[in-house]
Amino acid sequence: MDDDQTRTEFGACVNMTAKQLDEWLDTDESKRSGQHKQAESVGHQSGRHIVAILRKKKADLDDDDYGHMRKVVGYIHRHLAQRPDGDVRETTWRYSLMNWGHDPVRATS
């Protein structure tokens, strides 16, 4: 996937703004969800990187940013395929996705 495709896919997958994601990352639900290899979960670390990417201009994105954007797209696609049955509003599945910048219950328009 080239950089233009990466930006397009990333924009389609990440449906939270930098402000929304930044505010979400401050919640207890965000901090508790995901795989914890250290004190901070992998998804929480990813969310902070996504906020930084969303606040950058296209010209300021570097190879590390594009690599992370590809990782985010892959994660979101894989995780969406594992959607549990029923109401997902207050599930760790949703919270984990939100750490990666995607709110699955957010209206798409």
N, C-alpha and C. Protein backbone atom coordinates (compact mmCIF):
# COMPACT_ATOMS: atom_id res chain seq x y z
N MET A 1 0.85 -1.17 0.00
CA MET A 1 0.00 0.00 0.00
C MET A 1 0.90 1.24 0.00
N ASP A 2 0.69 2.14 -0.96
CA ASP A 2 1.51 3.35 -1.00
C ASP A 2 0.96 4.37 0.01
N ASP A 3 1.67 5.49 0.15
CA ASP A 3 1.30 6.48 1.17
C ASP A 3 -0.09 7.07 0.94
N ASP A 4 -0.46 7.34 -0.31
CA ASP A 4 -1.79 7.90 -0.58
C ASP A 4 -2.88 6.91 -0.20
N GLN A 5 -2.69 5.65 -0.55
CA GLN A 5 -3.67 4.61 -0.19
C GLN A 5 -3.74 4.47 1.33
N THR A 6 -2.58 4.53 1.96
CA THR A 6 -2.53 4.42 3.42
C THR A 6 -3.34 5.53 4.07
N ARG A 7 -3.13 6.78 3.63
CA ARG A 7 -3.88 7.91 4.19
C ARG A 7 -5.39 7.74 3.97
N THR A 8 -5.77 7.27 2.79
CA THR A 8 -7.19 7.07 2.47
C THR A 8 -7.80 6.01 3.38
N GLU A 9 -7.12 4.86 3.50
CA GLU A 9 -7.62 3.77 4.36
C GLU A 9 -7.66 4.20 5.82
N PHE A 10 -6.63 4.89 6.26
CA PHE A 10 -6.56 5.38 7.63
C PHE A 10 -7.73 6.33 7.90
N GLY A 11 -8.00 7.23 6.96
CA GLY A 11 -9.10 8.17 7.11
C GLY A 11 -10.45 7.49 7.14
N ALA A 12 -10.57 6.38 6.43
CA ALA A 12 -11.82 5.63 6.41
C ALA A 12 -12.01 4.84 7.70
N CYS A 13 -10.94 4.37 8.28
CA CYS A 13 -11.02 3.54 9.49
C CYS A 13 -11.10 4.37 10.78
N VAL A 14 -10.32 5.42 10.87
CA VAL A 14 -10.29 6.24 12.07
C VAL A 14 -11.43 7.23 11.98
N ASN A 15 -12.47 7.01 12.77
CA ASN A 15 -13.65 7.86 12.70
C ASN A 15 -13.81 8.77 13.92
N MET A 16 -12.73 8.91 14.68
CA MET A 16 -12.72 9.83 15.82
C MET A 16 -11.75 10.97 15.50
N THR A 17 -12.09 12.17 15.94
CA THR A 17 -11.19 13.30 15.74
C THR A 17 -10.06 13.22 16.77
N ALA A 18 -9.03 14.01 16.55
CA ALA A 18 -7.92 14.05 17.52
C ALA A 18 -8.44 14.44 18.90
N LYS A 19 -9.34 15.41 18.96
CA LYS A 19 -9.89 15.87 20.24
C LYS A 19 -10.71 14.75 20.91
N GLN A 20 -11.57 14.09 20.14
CA GLN A 20 -12.38 13.00 20.70
C GLN A 20 -11.50 11.88 21.22
N LEU A 21 -10.50 11.50 20.45
CA LEU A 21 -9.61 10.41 20.86
C LEU A 21 -8.79 10.82 22.08
N ASP A 22 -8.28 12.03 22.08
CA ASP A 22 -7.50 12.52 23.21
C ASP A 22 -8.33 12.49 24.50
N GLU A 23 -9.58 12.94 24.41
CA GLU A 23 -10.46 12.92 25.58
C GLU A 23 -10.78 11.49 26.00
N TRP A 24 -11.00 10.61 25.04
CA TRP A 24 -11.27 9.19 25.34
C TRP A 24 -10.09 8.56 26.06
N LEU A 25 -8.88 8.85 25.62
CA LEU A 25 -7.68 8.24 26.20
C LEU A 25 -7.49 8.62 27.67
N ASP A 26 -8.15 9.68 28.11
CA ASP A 26 -8.07 10.10 29.52
C ASP A 26 -9.05 9.36 30.42
N THR A 27 -9.94 8.55 29.84
CA THR A 27 -10.95 7.85 30.65
C THR A 27 -10.38 6.57 31.28
N ASP A 28 -11.00 6.16 32.37
CA ASP A 28 -10.61 4.90 33.02
C ASP A 28 -10.86 3.71 32.11
N GLU A 29 -11.98 3.73 31.36
CA GLU A 29 -12.29 2.63 30.45
C GLU A 29 -11.20 2.45 29.40
N SER A 30 -10.71 3.55 28.89
CA SER A 30 -9.63 3.48 27.90
C SER A 30 -8.36 2.89 28.50
N LYS A 31 -8.02 3.34 29.67
CA LYS A 31 -6.78 2.91 30.31
C LYS A 31 -6.81 1.44 30.72
N ARG A 32 -8.01 0.91 31.00
CA ARG A 32 -8.14 -0.49 31.43
C ARG A 32 -8.19 -1.48 30.27
N SER A 33 -8.59 -1.04 29.09
CA SER A 33 -8.80 -1.99 27.98
C SER A 33 -7.51 -2.27 27.22
N GLY A 34 -7.50 -3.40 26.56
CA GLY A 34 -6.36 -3.77 25.72
C GLY A 34 -5.35 -4.64 26.42
N GLN A 35 -4.32 -5.02 25.66
CA GLN A 35 -3.25 -5.86 26.18
C GLN A 35 -2.20 -5.00 26.85
N HIS A 36 -1.91 -5.32 28.10
CA HIS A 36 -0.93 -4.54 28.87
C HIS A 36 0.41 -5.26 28.91
N LYS A 37 1.34 -4.81 28.09
CA LYS A 37 2.70 -5.35 28.16
C LYS A 37 3.50 -4.58 29.20
N GLN A 38 3.09 -3.34 29.43
CA GLN A 38 3.68 -2.48 30.46
C GLN A 38 2.52 -1.85 31.21
N ALA A 39 2.77 -0.72 31.87
CA ALA A 39 1.69 -0.04 32.59
C ALA A 39 0.62 0.47 31.63
N GLU A 40 1.04 0.88 30.45
CA GLU A 40 0.11 1.39 29.44
C GLU A 40 -0.13 0.32 28.39
N SER A 41 -1.40 0.14 27.99
CA SER A 41 -1.71 -0.89 27.00
C SER A 41 -1.17 -0.51 25.62
N VAL A 42 -1.02 -1.51 24.79
CA VAL A 42 -0.55 -1.31 23.42
C VAL A 42 -1.50 -0.37 22.67
N GLY A 43 -2.82 -0.59 22.85
CA GLY A 43 -3.80 0.25 22.18
C GLY A 43 -3.77 1.69 22.66
N HIS A 44 -3.52 1.88 23.95
CA HIS A 44 -3.45 3.23 24.50
C HIS A 44 -2.25 3.97 23.91
N GLN A 45 -1.11 3.29 23.82
CA GLN A 45 0.06 3.89 23.19
C GLN A 45 -0.23 4.23 21.74
N SER A 46 -0.90 3.32 21.05
CA SER A 46 -1.28 3.54 19.67
C SER A 46 -2.17 4.77 19.55
N GLY A 47 -3.13 4.89 20.45
CA GLY A 47 -4.04 6.03 20.42
C GLY A 47 -3.31 7.35 20.54
N ARG A 48 -2.31 7.41 21.39
CA ARG A 48 -1.53 8.65 21.52
C ARG A 48 -0.80 8.97 20.21
N HIS A 49 -0.28 7.94 19.54
CA HIS A 49 0.39 8.15 18.24
C HIS A 49 -0.63 8.60 17.19
N ILE A 50 -1.82 8.02 17.21
CA ILE A 50 -2.87 8.41 16.26
C ILE A 50 -3.25 9.88 16.46
N VAL A 51 -3.38 10.32 17.71
CA VAL A 51 -3.68 11.73 17.98
C VAL A 51 -2.62 12.61 17.35
N ALA A 52 -1.35 12.24 17.52
CA ALA A 52 -0.26 13.03 16.94
C ALA A 52 -0.35 13.06 15.41
N ILE A 53 -0.67 11.91 14.81
CA ILE A 53 -0.80 11.83 13.35
C ILE A 53 -1.95 12.72 12.87
N LEU A 54 -3.08 12.65 13.55
CA LEU A 54 -4.24 13.45 13.15
C LEU A 54 -3.98 14.95 13.24
N ARG A 55 -3.06 15.34 14.09
CA ARG A 55 -2.75 16.77 14.26
C ARG A 55 -1.66 17.25 13.30
N LYS A 56 -1.08 16.35 12.55
CA LYS A 56 -0.03 16.73 11.60
C LYS A 56 -0.60 17.07 10.24
N LYS A 57 0.13 17.88 9.52
CA LYS A 57 -0.19 18.14 8.12
C LYS A 57 0.40 17.00 7.30
N LYS A 58 -0.19 16.76 6.15
CA LYS A 58 0.26 15.67 5.26
C LYS A 58 1.77 15.75 5.03
N ALA A 59 2.27 16.94 4.79
CA ALA A 59 3.70 17.12 4.48
C ALA A 59 4.60 16.76 5.66
N ASP A 60 4.04 16.76 6.87
CA ASP A 60 4.85 16.49 8.06
C ASP A 60 4.84 15.02 8.48
N LEU A 61 4.06 14.19 7.80
CA LEU A 61 4.02 12.76 8.12
C LEU A 61 5.32 12.10 7.69
N ASP A 62 5.87 11.24 8.56
CA ASP A 62 7.12 10.55 8.21
C ASP A 62 6.87 9.05 8.06
N ASP A 63 7.92 8.32 7.75
CA ASP A 63 7.80 6.87 7.52
C ASP A 63 7.22 6.15 8.73
N ASP A 64 7.60 6.58 9.92
CA ASP A 64 7.08 5.96 11.15
C ASP A 64 5.56 6.18 11.24
N ASP A 65 5.12 7.38 10.88
CA ASP A 65 3.68 7.67 10.90
C ASP A 65 2.94 6.78 9.91
N TYR A 66 3.46 6.67 8.69
CA TYR A 66 2.81 5.83 7.69
C TYR A 66 2.79 4.36 8.11
N GLY A 67 3.88 3.91 8.72
CA GLY A 67 3.92 2.54 9.22
C GLY A 67 2.87 2.31 10.29
N HIS A 68 2.71 3.29 11.17
CA HIS A 68 1.70 3.15 12.23
C HIS A 68 0.30 3.21 11.64
N MET A 69 0.10 4.05 10.65
CA MET A 69 -1.21 4.14 10.01
C MET A 69 -1.59 2.80 9.39
N ARG A 70 -0.64 2.12 8.77
CA ARG A 70 -0.92 0.79 8.19
C ARG A 70 -1.26 -0.21 9.29
N LYS A 71 -0.55 -0.14 10.40
CA LYS A 71 -0.82 -1.02 11.54
C LYS A 71 -2.23 -0.77 12.08
N VAL A 72 -2.62 0.49 12.18
CA VAL A 72 -3.95 0.86 12.68
C VAL A 72 -5.04 0.30 11.76
N VAL A 73 -4.87 0.47 10.46
CA VAL A 73 -5.85 -0.03 9.49
C VAL A 73 -6.01 -1.55 9.64
N GLY A 74 -4.90 -2.26 9.72
CA GLY A 74 -4.94 -3.71 9.88
C GLY A 74 -5.64 -4.13 11.17
N TYR A 75 -5.30 -3.46 12.26
CA TYR A 75 -5.90 -3.79 13.55
C TYR A 75 -7.41 -3.57 13.50
N ILE A 76 -7.83 -2.42 13.01
CA ILE A 76 -9.27 -2.11 12.99
C ILE A 76 -10.02 -3.12 12.13
N HIS A 77 -9.49 -3.46 10.96
CA HIS A 77 -10.17 -4.46 10.11
C HIS A 77 -10.28 -5.81 10.82
N ARG A 78 -9.20 -6.27 11.44
CA ARG A 78 -9.21 -7.56 12.14
C ARG A 78 -10.18 -7.53 13.32
N HIS A 79 -10.16 -6.46 14.08
CA HIS A 79 -10.98 -6.37 15.28
C HIS A 79 -12.47 -6.26 14.93
N LEU A 80 -12.80 -5.53 13.87
CA LEU A 80 -14.20 -5.42 13.45
C LEU A 80 -14.76 -6.77 13.04
N ALA A 81 -13.92 -7.64 12.50
CA ALA A 81 -14.36 -8.98 12.08
C ALA A 81 -14.71 -9.86 13.28
N GLN A 82 -14.30 -9.46 14.48
CA GLN A 82 -14.54 -10.23 15.69
C GLN A 82 -15.67 -9.63 16.54
N ARG A 83 -16.54 -8.83 15.92
CA ARG A 83 -17.62 -8.15 16.65
C ARG A 83 -18.47 -9.16 17.42
N PRO A 84 -18.66 -8.92 18.71
CA PRO A 84 -19.52 -9.81 19.50
C PRO A 84 -20.99 -9.55 19.20
N ASP A 85 -21.83 -10.50 19.55
CA ASP A 85 -23.27 -10.34 19.37
C ASP A 85 -23.81 -9.36 20.41
N GLY A 86 -24.93 -8.77 20.07
CA GLY A 86 -25.63 -7.92 21.03
C GLY A 86 -25.13 -6.49 21.05
N ASP A 87 -25.51 -5.79 22.11
CA ASP A 87 -25.18 -4.39 22.30
C ASP A 87 -23.70 -4.27 22.68
N VAL A 88 -22.95 -3.54 21.91
CA VAL A 88 -21.50 -3.44 22.15
C VAL A 88 -21.09 -2.12 22.80
N ARG A 89 -22.06 -1.29 23.16
CA ARG A 89 -21.73 0.05 23.66
C ARG A 89 -20.81 0.06 24.88
N GLU A 90 -20.98 -0.88 25.80
CA GLU A 90 -20.16 -0.88 27.01
C GLU A 90 -19.34 -2.16 27.10
N THR A 91 -18.62 -2.46 26.03
CA THR A 91 -17.80 -3.68 25.99
C THR A 91 -16.33 -3.34 25.84
N THR A 92 -15.49 -4.23 26.32
CA THR A 92 -14.06 -4.03 26.13
C THR A 92 -13.70 -4.09 24.65
N TRP A 93 -14.49 -4.81 23.85
CA TRP A 93 -14.27 -4.87 22.40
C TRP A 93 -14.35 -3.46 21.81
N ARG A 94 -15.41 -2.75 22.16
CA ARG A 94 -15.56 -1.37 21.66
C ARG A 94 -14.46 -0.47 22.21
N TYR A 95 -14.20 -0.57 23.50
CA TYR A 95 -13.20 0.30 24.12
C TYR A 95 -11.83 0.10 23.50
N SER A 96 -11.50 -1.15 23.19
CA SER A 96 -10.22 -1.42 22.54
C SER A 96 -10.15 -0.76 21.17
N LEU A 97 -11.22 -0.89 20.40
CA LEU A 97 -11.26 -0.24 19.09
C LEU A 97 -11.15 1.28 19.21
N MET A 98 -11.81 1.83 20.20
CA MET A 98 -11.75 3.28 20.39
C MET A 98 -10.34 3.74 20.71
N ASN A 99 -9.57 2.93 21.42
CA ASN A 99 -8.16 3.28 21.67
C ASN A 99 -7.38 3.39 20.37
N TRP A 100 -7.85 2.69 19.34
CA TRP A 100 -7.21 2.71 18.03
C TRP A 100 -7.90 3.70 17.09
N GLY A 101 -8.78 4.55 17.64
CA GLY A 101 -9.36 5.64 16.85
C GLY A 101 -10.65 5.32 16.13
N HIS A 102 -11.23 4.15 16.40
CA HIS A 102 -12.47 3.78 15.71
C HIS A 102 -13.56 3.47 16.74
N ASP A 103 -14.66 4.23 16.65
CA ASP A 103 -15.81 3.95 17.52
C ASP A 103 -16.86 3.23 16.68
N PRO A 104 -17.05 1.92 16.92
CA PRO A 104 -17.96 1.13 16.09
C PRO A 104 -19.44 1.49 16.23
N VAL A 105 -19.81 2.25 17.25
CA VAL A 105 -21.22 2.63 17.40
C VAL A 105 -21.48 4.05 16.93
N ARG A 106 -20.45 4.70 16.48
CA ARG A 106 -20.59 6.06 15.96
C ARG A 106 -21.29 6.04 14.62
N ALA A 107 -22.24 6.91 14.44
CA ALA A 107 -22.98 6.98 13.18
C ALA A 107 -22.03 7.36 12.04
N THR A 108 -22.15 6.68 10.95
CA THR A 108 -21.34 6.99 9.78
C THR A 108 -22.18 7.82 8.82
N SER A 109 -21.73 9.03 8.57
CA SER A 109 -22.44 9.89 7.63
C SER A 109 -21.49 10.86 7.00
